[in-house]
Amino acid sequence: MKKSGSDILKSINLKALIESLIAIFVGFLIGAIVLLAFGYDPVTTYSALFQGALGSTTGIASTLAYSTPIMLTALTFAISARTGIFNIGAEGSFYFGAIAAVIFTNIWGNMWFGLFMGMVLGALWGLPAAFLKVYRGVHEVISTIMLNWIAWFFVLWLVVGPYANPNDPNKTLRIPPSARLPLIGNTNLSIAFIIAVFAAVLSYYILWHTILGYGMRASGLNPRAAEYGGIKPKQAIIWSFIIGGIMSGLGGAMKIMGEPPTYAISQGMANVYGYGFDGIGVALVGRNHPLGIIFAAIFFGMLRAGTPLMQIEAQVPLEIIKVIQGIIVITVAIPGLYDLIKNAITRREV
């Protein structure tokens, strides 16, 4: 069935968009008050933020590069949230996607094979939590938190052990040149951003324009009514974990294959840690809508890419910058968090 542009606008929800824009304004306003309280000029600080993130080709490339992995982990959370599940296991799938890229590109130096195996391992890591939820009634928050730690320690063992670089134990084997994602121009931005945007659009299509997506959303709104209508909520939950795992696994693989230095750092896996948790904030800001997540991820990427120039131009300490960014993120995420809590309460009442 052919879908018109008005269908897309209806799914986005203009009311939610306006609320998010107001929240962004309020977040920056509160941040400005905090800056004034510490004796810093908000105009200079925010000018440096936008200049650093959007004022040059390098800045824009950094913004988009930062936004790529969190766009995909945000999709993991959003897809599950639409199915009525609070899945915070994107972090674990992200780790497995990253190590899959290291392992399989060094077996067969092919870019597409590395991405594919990243998605496969990411999806497989989502299955234990799915089965525990569906067949044993284990709450997904508990299971995914525990599985995140299992993933972290297991992948860390692979990073410092079997797949450590024999010439430098502080990092893993490099991604072979033949398997690295092509960079766009003379920047640190690879085609990973394009793939991530495509994944978000595909997620939107699946959720709003397929039978599978309809069943997932119906299960999230009212599982009893969905089951009465012939939909199987348990299958919808399993699919939400599988698709979410694919997204995070792809994000982990592209993080390693698409950005210099194209290896995982052994010390705490510093260059792959935390993207799953950041994705939760991105999903909330994007109101758990795949198309909204594209812009929310870019917004987060802008906040991060503009940090260096805020320190240099406005002379604002990094600690204060983190406080300001945290205030903005929390303020902007409140409407999405409110929707999430309201929907959870509604499901309990039915």
C-alpha atoms as a PDB file:
ATOM      1  CA  MET A   1       0.000   0.000   0.000  1.00  0.00           C
ATOM      2  CA  LYS A   2       1.363   3.400  -0.949  1.00  0.00           C
ATOM      3  CA  LYS A   3       1.873   5.767   1.972  1.00  0.00           C
ATOM      4  CA  SER A   4       1.614   9.530   1.656  1.00  0.00           C
ATOM      5  CA  GLY A   5       3.666  12.200   3.367  1.00  0.00           C
ATOM      6  CA  SER A   6       0.707  12.939   5.656  1.00  0.00           C
ATOM      7  CA  ASP A   7       0.980   9.407   7.085  1.00  0.00           C
ATOM      8  CA  ILE A   8       4.555  10.107   8.105  1.00  0.00           C
ATOM      9  CA  LEU A   9       3.564  13.400   9.725  1.00  0.00           C
ATOM     10  CA  LYS A  10       0.807  11.672  11.692  1.00  0.00           C
ATOM     11  CA  SER A  11       3.233   9.032  12.978  1.00  0.00           C
ATOM     12  CA  ILE A  12       5.742  11.685  14.034  1.00  0.00           C
ATOM     13  CA  ASN A  13       3.100  13.537  16.137  1.00  0.00           C
ATOM     14  CA  LEU A  14       3.514  17.283  15.709  1.00  0.00           C
ATOM     15  CA  LYS A  15       2.405  17.895  19.296  1.00  0.00           C
ATOM     16  CA  ALA A  16       5.313  15.792  20.544  1.00  0.00           C
ATOM     17  CA  LEU A  17       7.681  17.645  18.208  1.00  0.00           C
ATOM     18  CA  ILE A  18       6.577  21.028  19.570  1.00  0.00           C
ATOM     19  CA  GLU A  19       6.949  19.782  23.150  1.00  0.00           C
ATOM     20  CA  SER A  20      10.486  18.593  22.403  1.00  0.00           C
ATOM     21  CA  LEU A  21      11.439  21.941  20.858  1.00  0.00           C
ATOM     22  CA  ILE A  22      10.101  23.759  23.909  1.00  0.00           C
ATOM     23  CA  ALA A  23      12.057  21.390  26.159  1.00  0.00           C
ATOM     24  CA  ILE A  24      15.249  22.136  24.203  1.00  0.00           C
ATOM     25  CA  PHE A  25      14.692  25.866  24.675  1.00  0.00           C
ATOM     26  CA  VAL A  26      14.056  25.409  28.408  1.00  0.00           C
ATOM     27  CA  GLY A  27      17.149  23.236  28.739  1.00  0.00           C
ATOM     28  CA  PHE A  28      19.379  25.849  27.142  1.00  0.00           C
ATOM     29  CA  LEU A  29      17.731  28.553  29.262  1.00  0.00           C
ATOM     30  CA  ILE A  30      18.423  26.687  32.519  1.00  0.00           C
ATOM     31  CA  GLY A  31      21.950  26.023  31.309  1.00  0.00           C
ATOM     32  CA  ALA A  32      22.425  29.744  30.693  1.00  0.00           C
ATOM     33  CA  ILE A  33      21.306  30.507  34.252  1.00  0.00           C
ATOM     34  CA  VAL A  34      23.834  28.016  35.627  1.00  0.00           C
ATOM     35  CA  LEU A  35      26.588  29.546  33.472  1.00  0.00           C
ATOM     36  CA  LEU A  36      25.754  33.008  34.785  1.00  0.00           C
ATOM     37  CA  ALA A  37      25.806  31.685  38.344  1.00  0.00           C
ATOM     38  CA  PHE A  38      29.388  30.480  37.825  1.00  0.00           C
ATOM     39  CA  GLY A  39      30.455  33.710  36.132  1.00  0.00           C
ATOM     40  CA  TYR A  40      30.529  32.591  32.480  1.00  0.00           C
ATOM     41  CA  ASP A  41      28.951  34.302  29.499  1.00  0.00           C
ATOM     42  CA  PRO A  42      26.133  32.100  28.089  1.00  0.00           C
ATOM     43  CA  VAL A  43      26.209  33.827  24.682  1.00  0.00           C
ATOM     44  CA  THR A  44      29.930  33.184  24.229  1.00  0.00           C
ATOM     45  CA  THR A  45      29.604  29.630  25.522  1.00  0.00           C
ATOM     46  CA  TYR A  46      26.685  28.652  23.300  1.00  0.00           C
ATOM     47  CA  SER A  47      28.245  30.421  20.308  1.00  0.00           C
ATOM     48  CA  ALA A  48      31.352  28.290  20.815  1.00  0.00           C
ATOM     49  CA  LEU A  49      29.166  25.183  21.088  1.00  0.00           C
ATOM     50  CA  PHE A  50      27.433  25.785  17.771  1.00  0.00           C
ATOM     51  CA  GLN A  51      30.626  26.976  16.099  1.00  0.00           C
ATOM     52  CA  GLY A  52      32.506  23.874  17.183  1.00  0.00           C
ATOM     53  CA  ALA A  53      29.717  21.491  16.202  1.00  0.00           C
ATOM     54  CA  LEU A  54      28.324  23.113  13.057  1.00  0.00           C
ATOM     55  CA  GLY A  55      30.683  25.926  12.054  1.00  0.00           C
ATOM     56  CA  SER A  56      33.049  23.943   9.847  1.00  0.00           C
ATOM     57  CA  THR A  57      33.247  20.806   7.750  1.00  0.00           C
ATOM     58  CA  THR A  58      35.313  19.146  10.457  1.00  0.00           C
ATOM     59  CA  GLY A  59      32.796  20.133  13.134  1.00  0.00           C
ATOM     60  CA  ILE A  60      29.825  18.835  11.165  1.00  0.00           C
ATOM     61  CA  ALA A  61      31.680  15.596  10.441  1.00  0.00           C
ATOM     62  CA  SER A  62      32.450  15.162  14.146  1.00  0.00           C
ATOM     63  CA  THR A  63      28.822  15.843  15.076  1.00  0.00           C
ATOM     64  CA  LEU A  64      27.547  13.232  12.640  1.00  0.00           C
ATOM     65  CA  ALA A  65      30.259  10.732  13.615  1.00  0.00           C
ATOM     66  CA  TYR A  66      29.353  11.069  17.311  1.00  0.00           C
ATOM     67  CA  SER A  67      25.661  10.670  16.486  1.00  0.00           C
ATOM     68  CA  THR A  68      26.035   7.439  14.504  1.00  0.00           C
ATOM     69  CA  PRO A  69      26.475   4.780  17.233  1.00  0.00           C
ATOM     70  CA  ILE A  70      23.961   6.339  19.638  1.00  0.00           C
ATOM     71  CA  MET A  71      21.392   6.544  16.848  1.00  0.00           C
ATOM     72  CA  LEU A  72      21.503   2.767  16.559  1.00  0.00           C
ATOM     73  CA  THR A  73      21.476   2.004  20.294  1.00  0.00           C
ATOM     74  CA  ALA A  74      18.571   4.435  20.637  1.00  0.00           C
ATOM     75  CA  LEU A  75      16.654   2.395  18.055  1.00  0.00           C
ATOM     76  CA  THR A  76      17.173  -0.673  20.251  1.00  0.00           C
ATOM     77  CA  PHE A  77      15.484   1.022  23.188  1.00  0.00           C
ATOM     78  CA  ALA A  78      12.765   2.676  21.093  1.00  0.00           C
ATOM     79  CA  ILE A  79      11.705  -0.486  19.260  1.00  0.00           C
ATOM     80  CA  SER A  80      11.355  -2.321  22.561  1.00  0.00           C
ATOM     81  CA  ALA A  81       9.552   0.623  24.169  1.00  0.00           C
ATOM     82  CA  ARG A  82       7.017   0.565  21.346  1.00  0.00           C
ATOM     83  CA  THR A  83       6.472  -3.104  22.218  1.00  0.00           C
ATOM     84  CA  GLY A  84       5.976  -2.296  25.890  1.00  0.00           C
ATOM     85  CA  ILE A  85       9.443  -3.454  26.949  1.00  0.00           C
ATOM     86  CA  PHE A  86      12.105  -1.484  28.861  1.00  0.00           C
ATOM     87  CA  ASN A  87      15.147  -2.988  27.131  1.00  0.00           C
ATOM     88  CA  ILE A  88      18.427  -1.493  28.356  1.00  0.00           C
ATOM     89  CA  GLY A  89      20.544  -4.276  26.891  1.00  0.00           C
ATOM     90  CA  ALA A  90      21.840  -2.277  23.925  1.00  0.00           C
ATOM     91  CA  GLU A  91      25.188  -1.932  25.686  1.00  0.00           C
ATOM     92  CA  GLY A  92      25.841  -5.677  25.652  1.00  0.00           C
ATOM     93  CA  SER A  93      24.856  -6.111  22.009  1.00  0.00           C
ATOM     94  CA  PHE A  94      27.052  -3.122  21.134  1.00  0.00           C
ATOM     95  CA  TYR A  95      30.078  -4.847  22.716  1.00  0.00           C
ATOM     96  CA  PHE A  96      29.444  -8.037  20.781  1.00  0.00           C
ATOM     97  CA  GLY A  97      28.996  -6.110  17.532  1.00  0.00           C
ATOM     98  CA  ALA A  98      32.347  -4.421  18.082  1.00  0.00           C
ATOM     99  CA  ILE A  99      34.274  -7.594  18.880  1.00  0.00           C
ATOM    100  CA  ALA A 100      32.537  -9.419  16.015  1.00  0.00           C
ATOM    101  CA  ALA A 101      33.939  -6.811  13.643  1.00  0.00           C
ATOM    102  CA  VAL A 102      37.455  -7.397  15.000  1.00  0.00           C
ATOM    103  CA  ILE A 103      37.189 -11.185  14.865  1.00  0.00           C
ATOM    104  CA  PHE A 104      35.491 -11.784  11.541  1.00  0.00           C
ATOM    105  CA  THR A 105      37.166  -9.090   9.471  1.00  0.00           C
ATOM    106  CA  ASN A 106      40.500 -10.584  10.509  1.00  0.00           C
ATOM    107  CA  ILE A 107      39.264 -14.008   9.390  1.00  0.00           C
ATOM    108  CA  TRP A 108      37.945 -12.730   6.091  1.00  0.00           C
ATOM    109  CA  GLY A 109      38.767  -9.123   5.315  1.00  0.00           C
ATOM    110  CA  ASN A 110      35.372  -8.150   3.961  1.00  0.00           C
ATOM    111  CA  MET A 111      33.425  -5.081   5.097  1.00  0.00           C
ATOM    112  CA  TRP A 112      29.936  -6.502   4.577  1.00  0.00           C
ATOM    113  CA  PHE A 113      30.833  -9.746   6.310  1.00  0.00           C
ATOM    114  CA  GLY A 114      32.022  -7.790   9.359  1.00  0.00           C
ATOM    115  CA  LEU A 115      28.807  -5.757   9.493  1.00  0.00           C
ATOM    116  CA  PHE A 116      26.675  -8.854   9.036  1.00  0.00           C
ATOM    117  CA  MET A 117      28.388 -10.766  11.826  1.00  0.00           C
ATOM    118  CA  GLY A 118      28.114  -7.736  14.093  1.00  0.00           C
ATOM    119  CA  MET A 119      24.347  -7.767  13.563  1.00  0.00           C
ATOM    120  CA  VAL A 120      24.152 -11.530  14.087  1.00  0.00           C
ATOM    121  CA  LEU A 121      26.050 -11.496  17.391  1.00  0.00           C
ATOM    122  CA  GLY A 122      24.114  -8.442  18.559  1.00  0.00           C
ATOM    123  CA  ALA A 123      20.803 -10.190  17.852  1.00  0.00           C
ATOM    124  CA  LEU A 124      21.926 -13.429  19.497  1.00  0.00           C
ATOM    125  CA  TRP A 125      22.894 -11.556  22.656  1.00  0.00           C
ATOM    126  CA  GLY A 126      19.388 -10.115  22.836  1.00  0.00           C
ATOM    127  CA  LEU A 127      17.752 -13.550  22.866  1.00  0.00           C
ATOM    128  CA  PRO A 128      18.527 -14.638  26.475  1.00  0.00           C
ATOM    129  CA  ALA A 129      16.701 -11.618  27.919  1.00  0.00           C
ATOM    130  CA  ALA A 130      13.836 -12.177  25.472  1.00  0.00           C
ATOM    131  CA  PHE A 131      13.405 -15.822  26.463  1.00  0.00           C
ATOM    132  CA  LEU A 132      13.723 -15.031  30.169  1.00  0.00           C
ATOM    133  CA  LYS A 133      10.976 -12.429  29.786  1.00  0.00           C
ATOM    134  CA  VAL A 134       8.621 -14.536  27.698  1.00  0.00           C
ATOM    135  CA  TYR A 135       9.025 -17.966  29.260  1.00  0.00           C
ATOM    136  CA  ARG A 136      10.080 -17.254  32.843  1.00  0.00           C
ATOM    137  CA  GLY A 137       8.593 -13.836  33.497  1.00  0.00           C
ATOM    138  CA  VAL A 138      11.949 -12.262  34.414  1.00  0.00           C
ATOM    139  CA  HIS A 139      11.745  -8.479  34.190  1.00  0.00           C
ATOM    140  CA  GLU A 140      13.825  -7.217  31.290  1.00  0.00           C
ATOM    141  CA  VAL A 141      15.478  -4.441  33.326  1.00  0.00           C
ATOM    142  CA  ILE A 142      16.999  -7.003  35.714  1.00  0.00           C
ATOM    143  CA  SER A 143      18.055  -9.448  33.011  1.00  0.00           C
ATOM    144  CA  THR A 144      19.516  -6.873  30.640  1.00  0.00           C
ATOM    145  CA  ILE A 145      21.525  -5.159  33.385  1.00  0.00           C
ATOM    146  CA  MET A 146      23.039  -8.494  34.405  1.00  0.00           C
ATOM    147  CA  LEU A 147      23.647  -9.531  30.806  1.00  0.00           C
ATOM    148  CA  ASN A 148      25.353  -6.189  30.084  1.00  0.00           C
ATOM    149  CA  TRP A 149      27.945  -6.989  32.746  1.00  0.00           C
ATOM    150  CA  ILE A 150      28.400 -10.524  31.477  1.00  0.00           C
ATOM    151  CA  ALA A 151      28.929  -9.132  27.975  1.00  0.00           C
ATOM    152  CA  TRP A 152      31.385  -6.524  29.245  1.00  0.00           C
ATOM    153  CA  PHE A 153      33.610  -9.001  31.083  1.00  0.00           C
ATOM    154  CA  PHE A 154      33.452 -11.644  28.348  1.00  0.00           C
ATOM    155  CA  VAL A 155      34.245  -9.219  25.530  1.00  0.00           C
ATOM    156  CA  LEU A 156      36.941  -7.587  27.669  1.00  0.00           C
ATOM    157  CA  TRP A 157      38.554 -11.024  28.050  1.00  0.00           C
ATOM    158  CA  LEU A 158      38.520 -11.395  24.260  1.00  0.00           C
ATOM    159  CA  VAL A 159      39.992  -7.906  23.868  1.00  0.00           C
ATOM    160  CA  VAL A 160      42.894  -8.406  26.278  1.00  0.00           C
ATOM    161  CA  GLY A 161      43.365 -12.092  25.498  1.00  0.00           C
ATOM    162  CA  PRO A 162      42.805 -13.962  22.238  1.00  0.00           C
ATOM    163  CA  TYR A 163      42.382 -10.887  20.055  1.00  0.00           C
ATOM    164  CA  ALA A 164      44.895  -8.539  21.649  1.00  0.00           C
ATOM    165  CA  ASN A 165      47.434  -7.014  19.270  1.00  0.00           C
ATOM    166  CA  PRO A 166      50.673  -9.003  19.766  1.00  0.00           C
ATOM    167  CA  ASN A 167      52.683  -5.818  19.140  1.00  0.00           C
ATOM    168  CA  ASP A 168      50.680  -3.659  21.533  1.00  0.00           C
ATOM    169  CA  PRO A 169      48.596  -5.264  24.313  1.00  0.00           C
ATOM    170  CA  ASN A 170      46.745  -1.969  24.870  1.00  0.00           C
ATOM    171  CA  LYS A 171      44.571  -2.594  21.840  1.00  0.00           C
ATOM    172  CA  THR A 172      43.043  -5.349  19.755  1.00  0.00           C
ATOM    173  CA  LEU A 173      43.930  -6.406  16.257  1.00  0.00           C
ATOM    174  CA  ARG A 174      43.181  -3.685  13.739  1.00  0.00           C
ATOM    175  CA  ILE A 175      40.387  -3.917  11.212  1.00  0.00           C
ATOM    176  CA  PRO A 176      42.059  -4.817   7.885  1.00  0.00           C
ATOM    177  CA  PRO A 177      42.071  -1.915   5.390  1.00  0.00           C
ATOM    178  CA  SER A 178      39.886  -3.935   3.008  1.00  0.00           C
ATOM    179  CA  ALA A 179      37.139  -4.157   5.653  1.00  0.00           C
ATOM    180  CA  ARG A 180      37.096  -0.561   6.877  1.00  0.00           C
ATOM    181  CA  LEU A 181      34.118   1.642   6.087  1.00  0.00           C
ATOM    182  CA  PRO A 182      35.026   4.341   3.551  1.00  0.00           C
ATOM    183  CA  LEU A 183      35.504   7.824   4.989  1.00  0.00           C
ATOM    184  CA  ILE A 184      33.642  10.759   3.487  1.00  0.00           C
ATOM    185  CA  GLY A 185      36.168  13.325   2.268  1.00  0.00           C
ATOM    186  CA  ASN A 186      39.081  14.236   4.509  1.00  0.00           C
ATOM    187  CA  THR A 187      37.110  13.802   7.721  1.00  0.00           C
ATOM    188  CA  ASN A 188      36.555  11.215  10.448  1.00  0.00           C
ATOM    189  CA  LEU A 189      33.015  10.619   9.164  1.00  0.00           C
ATOM    190  CA  SER A 190      32.417   7.339   7.361  1.00  0.00           C
ATOM    191  CA  ILE A 191      29.448   5.947   5.471  1.00  0.00           C
ATOM    192  CA  ALA A 192      28.392   4.507   8.838  1.00  0.00           C
ATOM    193  CA  PHE A 193      26.222   7.603   9.309  1.00  0.00           C
ATOM    194  CA  ILE A 194      24.380   6.923   6.054  1.00  0.00           C
ATOM    195  CA  ILE A 195      23.843   3.292   7.051  1.00  0.00           C
ATOM    196  CA  ALA A 196      22.558   4.377  10.484  1.00  0.00           C
ATOM    197  CA  VAL A 197      20.037   6.783   8.932  1.00  0.00           C
ATOM    198  CA  PHE A 198      18.905   4.019   6.583  1.00  0.00           C
ATOM    199  CA  ALA A 199      18.492   1.699   9.595  1.00  0.00           C
ATOM    200  CA  ALA A 200      16.321   4.312  11.336  1.00  0.00           C
ATOM    201  CA  VAL A 201      14.127   4.762   8.254  1.00  0.00           C
ATOM    202  CA  LEU A 202      13.863   0.982   7.898  1.00  0.00           C
ATOM    203  CA  SER A 203      12.846   0.715  11.566  1.00  0.00           C
ATOM    204  CA  TYR A 204      10.134   3.302  10.966  1.00  0.00           C
ATOM    205  CA  TYR A 205       8.884   1.331   7.961  1.00  0.00           C
ATOM    206  CA  ILE A 206       8.840  -1.935   9.925  1.00  0.00           C
ATOM    207  CA  LEU A 207       6.979  -0.438  12.886  1.00  0.00           C
ATOM    208  CA  TRP A 208       4.366   1.535  10.952  1.00  0.00           C
ATOM    209  CA  HIS A 209       4.013  -0.195   7.587  1.00  0.00           C
ATOM    210  CA  THR A 210       4.309  -3.942   8.197  1.00  0.00           C
ATOM    211  CA  ILE A 211       2.137  -6.553   9.886  1.00  0.00           C
ATOM    212  CA  LEU A 212       5.016  -7.398  12.229  1.00  0.00           C
ATOM    213  CA  GLY A 213       5.377  -3.771  13.303  1.00  0.00           C
ATOM    214  CA  TYR A 214       1.649  -3.364  13.795  1.00  0.00           C
ATOM    215  CA  GLY A 215       1.646  -6.386  16.084  1.00  0.00           C
ATOM    216  CA  MET A 216       4.585  -5.031  18.066  1.00  0.00           C
ATOM    217  CA  ARG A 217       2.971  -1.629  18.570  1.00  0.00           C
ATOM    218  CA  ALA A 218      -0.420  -3.141  19.386  1.00  0.00           C
ATOM    219  CA  SER A 219       1.199  -5.406  21.979  1.00  0.00           C
ATOM    220  CA  GLY A 220       2.912  -2.407  23.497  1.00  0.00           C
ATOM    221  CA  LEU A 221      -0.307  -0.424  23.790  1.00  0.00           C
ATOM    222  CA  ASN A 222      -2.538  -3.196  25.110  1.00  0.00           C
ATOM    223  CA  PRO A 223      -1.249  -6.796  25.128  1.00  0.00           C
ATOM    224  CA  ARG A 224      -4.617  -8.287  26.120  1.00  0.00           C
ATOM    225  CA  ALA A 225      -6.525  -6.541  23.360  1.00  0.00           C
ATOM    226  CA  ALA A 226      -3.762  -7.425  20.890  1.00  0.00           C
ATOM    227  CA  GLU A 227      -3.983 -11.092  21.831  1.00  0.00           C
ATOM    228  CA  TYR A 228      -7.759 -10.997  21.518  1.00  0.00           C
ATOM    229  CA  GLY A 229      -7.265  -9.623  17.991  1.00  0.00           C
ATOM    230  CA  GLY A 230      -5.059 -12.543  16.970  1.00  0.00           C
ATOM    231  CA  ILE A 231      -1.663 -10.994  17.721  1.00  0.00           C
ATOM    232  CA  LYS A 232       0.866 -12.976  19.757  1.00  0.00           C
ATOM    233  CA  PRO A 233       2.478 -10.595  22.288  1.00  0.00           C
ATOM    234  CA  LYS A 234       5.201 -13.105  23.193  1.00  0.00           C
ATOM    235  CA  GLN A 235       6.365 -13.267  19.593  1.00  0.00           C
ATOM    236  CA  ALA A 236       6.276  -9.479  19.396  1.00  0.00           C
ATOM    237  CA  ILE A 237       8.542  -9.253  22.451  1.00  0.00           C
ATOM    238  CA  ILE A 238      11.036 -11.716  20.999  1.00  0.00           C
ATOM    239  CA  TRP A 239      11.108  -9.843  17.704  1.00  0.00           C
ATOM    240  CA  SER A 240      11.662  -6.546  19.492  1.00  0.00           C
ATOM    241  CA  PHE A 241      14.764  -7.975  21.185  1.00  0.00           C
ATOM    242  CA  ILE A 242      16.030  -9.489  17.938  1.00  0.00           C
ATOM    243  CA  ILE A 243      15.604  -6.316  15.879  1.00  0.00           C
ATOM    244  CA  GLY A 244      16.977  -4.194  18.713  1.00  0.00           C
ATOM    245  CA  GLY A 245      19.998  -6.475  19.029  1.00  0.00           C
ATOM    246  CA  ILE A 246      20.617  -6.189  15.300  1.00  0.00           C
ATOM    247  CA  MET A 247      20.655  -2.399  15.544  1.00  0.00           C
ATOM    248  CA  SER A 248      23.075  -2.251  18.473  1.00  0.00           C
ATOM    249  CA  GLY A 249      25.293  -4.967  17.009  1.00  0.00           C
ATOM    250  CA  LEU A 250      25.484  -2.983  13.785  1.00  0.00           C
ATOM    251  CA  GLY A 251      26.359   0.123  15.788  1.00  0.00           C
ATOM    252  CA  GLY A 252      29.208  -1.651  17.584  1.00  0.00           C
ATOM    253  CA  ALA A 253      30.598  -3.061  14.346  1.00  0.00           C
ATOM    254  CA  MET A 254      30.485   0.303  12.586  1.00  0.00           C
ATOM    255  CA  LYS A 255      32.087   2.063  15.563  1.00  0.00           C
ATOM    256  CA  ILE A 256      35.166  -0.115  15.122  1.00  0.00           C
ATOM    257  CA  MET A 257      35.108  -0.395  11.317  1.00  0.00           C
ATOM    258  CA  GLY A 258      34.193   3.182  10.500  1.00  0.00           C
ATOM    259  CA  GLU A 259      36.169   5.405  12.871  1.00  0.00           C
ATOM    260  CA  PRO A 260      39.892   5.711  13.457  1.00  0.00           C
ATOM    261  CA  PRO A 261      41.747   4.010  15.126  1.00  0.00           C
ATOM    262  CA  THR A 262      39.779   0.926  13.895  1.00  0.00           C
ATOM    263  CA  TYR A 263      40.482  -1.232  16.932  1.00  0.00           C
ATOM    264  CA  ALA A 264      39.108  -1.671  20.447  1.00  0.00           C
ATOM    265  CA  ILE A 265      41.095  -0.172  23.309  1.00  0.00           C
ATOM    266  CA  SER A 266      41.954  -2.746  25.957  1.00  0.00           C
ATOM    267  CA  GLN A 267      41.725  -0.478  28.995  1.00  0.00           C
ATOM    268  CA  GLY A 268      38.054  -0.720  29.927  1.00  0.00           C
ATOM    269  CA  MET A 269      37.105  -0.882  26.236  1.00  0.00           C
ATOM    270  CA  ALA A 270      37.038   2.890  26.447  1.00  0.00           C
ATOM    271  CA  ASN A 271      36.114   3.565  22.824  1.00  0.00           C
ATOM    272  CA  VAL A 272      33.042   1.288  22.868  1.00  0.00           C
ATOM    273  CA  TYR A 273      31.777   1.789  26.426  1.00  0.00           C
ATOM    274  CA  GLY A 274      28.624   3.737  27.274  1.00  0.00           C
ATOM    275  CA  TYR A 275      26.934   4.035  23.873  1.00  0.00           C
ATOM    276  CA  GLY A 276      24.078   1.765  24.873  1.00  0.00           C
ATOM    277  CA  PHE A 277      23.246   3.912  27.887  1.00  0.00           C
ATOM    278  CA  ASP A 278      23.553   7.150  25.875  1.00  0.00           C
ATOM    279  CA  GLY A 279      21.099   5.657  23.411  1.00  0.00           C
ATOM    280  CA  ILE A 280      18.383   5.592  26.081  1.00  0.00           C
ATOM    281  CA  GLY A 281      18.576   9.368  26.393  1.00  0.00           C
ATOM    282  CA  VAL A 282      18.544   9.776  22.620  1.00  0.00           C
ATOM    283  CA  ALA A 283      15.467   7.551  22.344  1.00  0.00           C
ATOM    284  CA  LEU A 284      13.625   9.561  24.995  1.00  0.00           C
ATOM    285  CA  VAL A 285      14.497  12.852  23.306  1.00  0.00           C
ATOM    286  CA  GLY A 286      13.316  11.389  19.992  1.00  0.00           C
ATOM    287  CA  ARG A 287      10.079  10.252  21.704  1.00  0.00           C
ATOM    288  CA  ASN A 288      10.852   6.631  20.793  1.00  0.00           C
ATOM    289  CA  HIS A 289      10.176   7.386  17.124  1.00  0.00           C
ATOM    290  CA  PRO A 290      12.817   6.181  14.628  1.00  0.00           C
ATOM    291  CA  LEU A 291      12.664   9.382  12.580  1.00  0.00           C
ATOM    292  CA  GLY A 292      12.782  11.550  15.691  1.00  0.00           C
ATOM    293  CA  ILE A 293      15.805   9.580  16.858  1.00  0.00           C
ATOM    294  CA  ILE A 294      17.782  10.674  13.781  1.00  0.00           C
ATOM    295  CA  PHE A 295      17.523  14.317  14.847  1.00  0.00           C
ATOM    296  CA  ALA A 296      17.901  13.551  18.551  1.00  0.00           C
ATOM    297  CA  ALA A 297      21.142  11.672  17.875  1.00  0.00           C
ATOM    298  CA  ILE A 298      22.485  14.579  15.824  1.00  0.00           C
ATOM    299  CA  PHE A 299      21.548  16.906  18.692  1.00  0.00           C
ATOM    300  CA  PHE A 300      23.525  14.747  21.132  1.00  0.00           C
ATOM    301  CA  GLY A 301      26.408  14.588  18.668  1.00  0.00           C
ATOM    302  CA  MET A 302      26.377  18.375  18.443  1.00  0.00           C
ATOM    303  CA  LEU A 303      26.632  18.735  22.232  1.00  0.00           C
ATOM    304  CA  ARG A 304      29.640  16.438  22.291  1.00  0.00           C
ATOM    305  CA  ALA A 305      31.390  17.805  19.194  1.00  0.00           C
ATOM    306  CA  GLY A 306      31.123  21.378  20.466  1.00  0.00           C
ATOM    307  CA  THR A 307      32.804  20.624  23.800  1.00  0.00           C
ATOM    308  CA  PRO A 308      36.445  21.360  22.810  1.00  0.00           C
ATOM    309  CA  LEU A 309      35.688  24.835  21.452  1.00  0.00           C
ATOM    310  CA  MET A 310      33.584  25.656  24.516  1.00  0.00           C
ATOM    311  CA  GLN A 311      36.694  25.038  26.597  1.00  0.00           C
ATOM    312  CA  ILE A 312      39.002  26.982  24.279  1.00  0.00           C
ATOM    313  CA  GLU A 313      36.856  29.959  23.274  1.00  0.00           C
ATOM    314  CA  ALA A 314      34.657  30.441  26.351  1.00  0.00           C
ATOM    315  CA  GLN A 315      37.231  29.165  28.882  1.00  0.00           C
ATOM    316  CA  VAL A 316      34.561  27.032  30.534  1.00  0.00           C
ATOM    317  CA  PRO A 317      35.971  24.070  32.516  1.00  0.00           C
ATOM    318  CA  LEU A 318      35.030  20.615  31.292  1.00  0.00           C
ATOM    319  CA  GLU A 319      33.202  19.869  34.545  1.00  0.00           C
ATOM    320  CA  ILE A 320      30.877  22.848  34.060  1.00  0.00           C
ATOM    321  CA  ILE A 321      30.331  21.891  30.421  1.00  0.00           C
ATOM    322  CA  LYS A 322      29.271  18.396  31.494  1.00  0.00           C
ATOM    323  CA  VAL A 323      26.850  19.909  34.008  1.00  0.00           C
ATOM    324  CA  ILE A 324      25.326  22.153  31.328  1.00  0.00           C
ATOM    325  CA  GLN A 325      25.046  19.278  28.862  1.00  0.00           C
ATOM    326  CA  GLY A 326      23.465  17.093  31.528  1.00  0.00           C
ATOM    327  CA  ILE A 327      20.884  19.764  32.342  1.00  0.00           C
ATOM    328  CA  ILE A 328      19.994  20.156  28.666  1.00  0.00           C
ATOM    329  CA  VAL A 329      19.727  16.399  28.110  1.00  0.00           C
ATOM    330  CA  ILE A 330      17.591  15.803  31.222  1.00  0.00           C
ATOM    331  CA  THR A 331      15.250  18.665  30.363  1.00  0.00           C
ATOM    332  CA  VAL A 332      14.830  17.533  26.777  1.00  0.00           C
ATOM    333  CA  ALA A 333      14.268  13.900  27.814  1.00  0.00           C
ATOM    334  CA  ILE A 334      11.509  14.690  30.332  1.00  0.00           C
ATOM    335  CA  PRO A 335       8.610  14.680  27.777  1.00  0.00           C
ATOM    336  CA  GLY A 336       9.702  11.299  26.408  1.00  0.00           C
ATOM    337  CA  LEU A 337      10.137   9.889  29.894  1.00  0.00           C
ATOM    338  CA  TYR A 338       6.678  11.140  30.816  1.00  0.00           C
ATOM    339  CA  ASP A 339       5.190   9.348  27.792  1.00  0.00           C
ATOM    340  CA  LEU A 340       7.041   6.147  28.711  1.00  0.00           C
ATOM    341  CA  ILE A 341       5.784   6.178  32.313  1.00  0.00           C
ATOM    342  CA  LYS A 342       2.234   7.081  31.257  1.00  0.00           C
ATOM    343  CA  ASN A 343       2.112   4.203  28.766  1.00  0.00           C
ATOM    344  CA  ALA A 344       3.502   1.782  31.363  1.00  0.00           C
ATOM    345  CA  ILE A 345       0.800   2.798  33.859  1.00  0.00           C
ATOM    346  CA  THR A 346      -1.883   2.450  31.181  1.00  0.00           C
ATOM    347  CA  ARG A 347      -0.732  -1.081  30.346  1.00  0.00           C
ATOM    348  CA  ARG A 348      -0.878  -2.060  34.022  1.00  0.00           C
ATOM    349  CA  GLU A 349      -4.464  -0.821  34.308  1.00  0.00           C
ATOM    350  CA  VAL A 350      -5.779  -2.816  31.348  1.00  0.00           C
END
